[in-house]
Amino acid sequence: MVRAWNDESPGIVERLNAQTPLRRSADPDEIAQAAAWLLSDRSSYVTGTVLRVDGGARA
């Protein structure tokens, strides 16, 4: 999906990465790990919050 978007709008990935403090896109496993943590017993006391997995984009 991202490749097709970049084909239609050349350079969009580089522009987005430049605006992210980590200067890269997330690896799918990084997103999956955050979701797995939320589904695990380790997050049992977490309520009413937004877990941003965005590489610091909204920091």
Protein backbone atom coordinates (compact mmCIF):
# COMPACT_ATOMS: atom_id res chain seq x y z
CA MET A 1 0.00 0.00 0.00
CA VAL A 2 2.78 2.41 0.92
CA ARG A 3 4.73 1.53 -2.21
CA ALA A 4 1.68 2.27 -4.37
CA TRP A 5 1.16 5.57 -2.54
CA ASN A 6 4.80 6.50 -3.13
CA ASP A 7 4.48 5.54 -6.81
CA GLU A 8 1.51 7.91 -7.14
CA SER A 9 3.17 10.65 -5.07
CA PRO A 10 6.94 10.26 -5.49
CA GLY A 11 8.90 11.24 -2.40
CA ILE A 12 5.95 11.08 0.03
CA VAL A 13 7.62 8.43 2.19
CA GLU A 14 10.79 10.50 2.52
CA ARG A 15 8.78 13.60 3.40
CA LEU A 16 6.81 11.74 6.06
CA ASN A 17 9.96 10.18 7.51
CA ALA A 18 11.59 13.62 7.68
CA GLN A 19 8.70 14.82 9.87
CA THR A 20 9.00 11.89 12.29
CA PRO A 21 11.57 12.21 15.12
CA LEU A 22 12.82 8.65 14.55
CA ARG A 23 13.26 9.48 10.83
CA ARG A 24 11.75 6.18 9.66
CA SER A 25 8.51 4.29 9.26
CA ALA A 26 7.46 1.72 11.80
CA ASP A 27 8.27 -1.89 11.23
CA PRO A 28 5.01 -3.90 11.26
CA ASP A 29 6.37 -5.91 14.18
CA GLU A 30 6.71 -2.72 16.24
CA ILE A 31 2.99 -2.05 15.83
CA ALA A 32 2.14 -5.69 16.51
CA GLN A 33 4.19 -5.68 19.72
CA ALA A 34 2.25 -2.68 21.06
CA ALA A 35 -1.06 -4.38 20.24
CA ALA A 36 0.12 -7.63 21.84
CA TRP A 37 1.10 -5.77 25.00
CA LEU A 38 -2.33 -4.14 25.22
CA LEU A 39 -3.93 -7.58 24.87
CA SER A 40 -1.68 -9.12 27.51
CA ASP A 41 -1.97 -9.32 31.28
CA ARG A 42 0.94 -6.87 31.52
CA SER A 43 -1.40 -4.03 30.59
CA SER A 44 -4.18 -5.09 32.98
CA TYR A 45 -4.06 -1.79 34.91
CA VAL A 46 -4.07 0.44 31.82
CA THR A 47 -7.39 2.20 31.26
CA GLY A 48 -8.61 5.26 29.42
CA THR A 49 -5.45 6.15 27.56
CA VAL A 50 -4.21 6.37 24.01
CA LEU A 51 -1.06 4.42 23.30
CA ARG A 52 0.62 6.28 20.49
CA VAL A 53 2.93 4.09 18.46
CA ASP A 54 4.00 6.82 16.07
CA GLY A 55 7.76 7.21 16.39
CA GLY A 56 7.32 10.47 18.26
CA ALA A 57 5.31 12.18 15.51
CA ARG A 58 2.90 13.70 18.03
CA ALA A 59 5.48 14.39 20.72
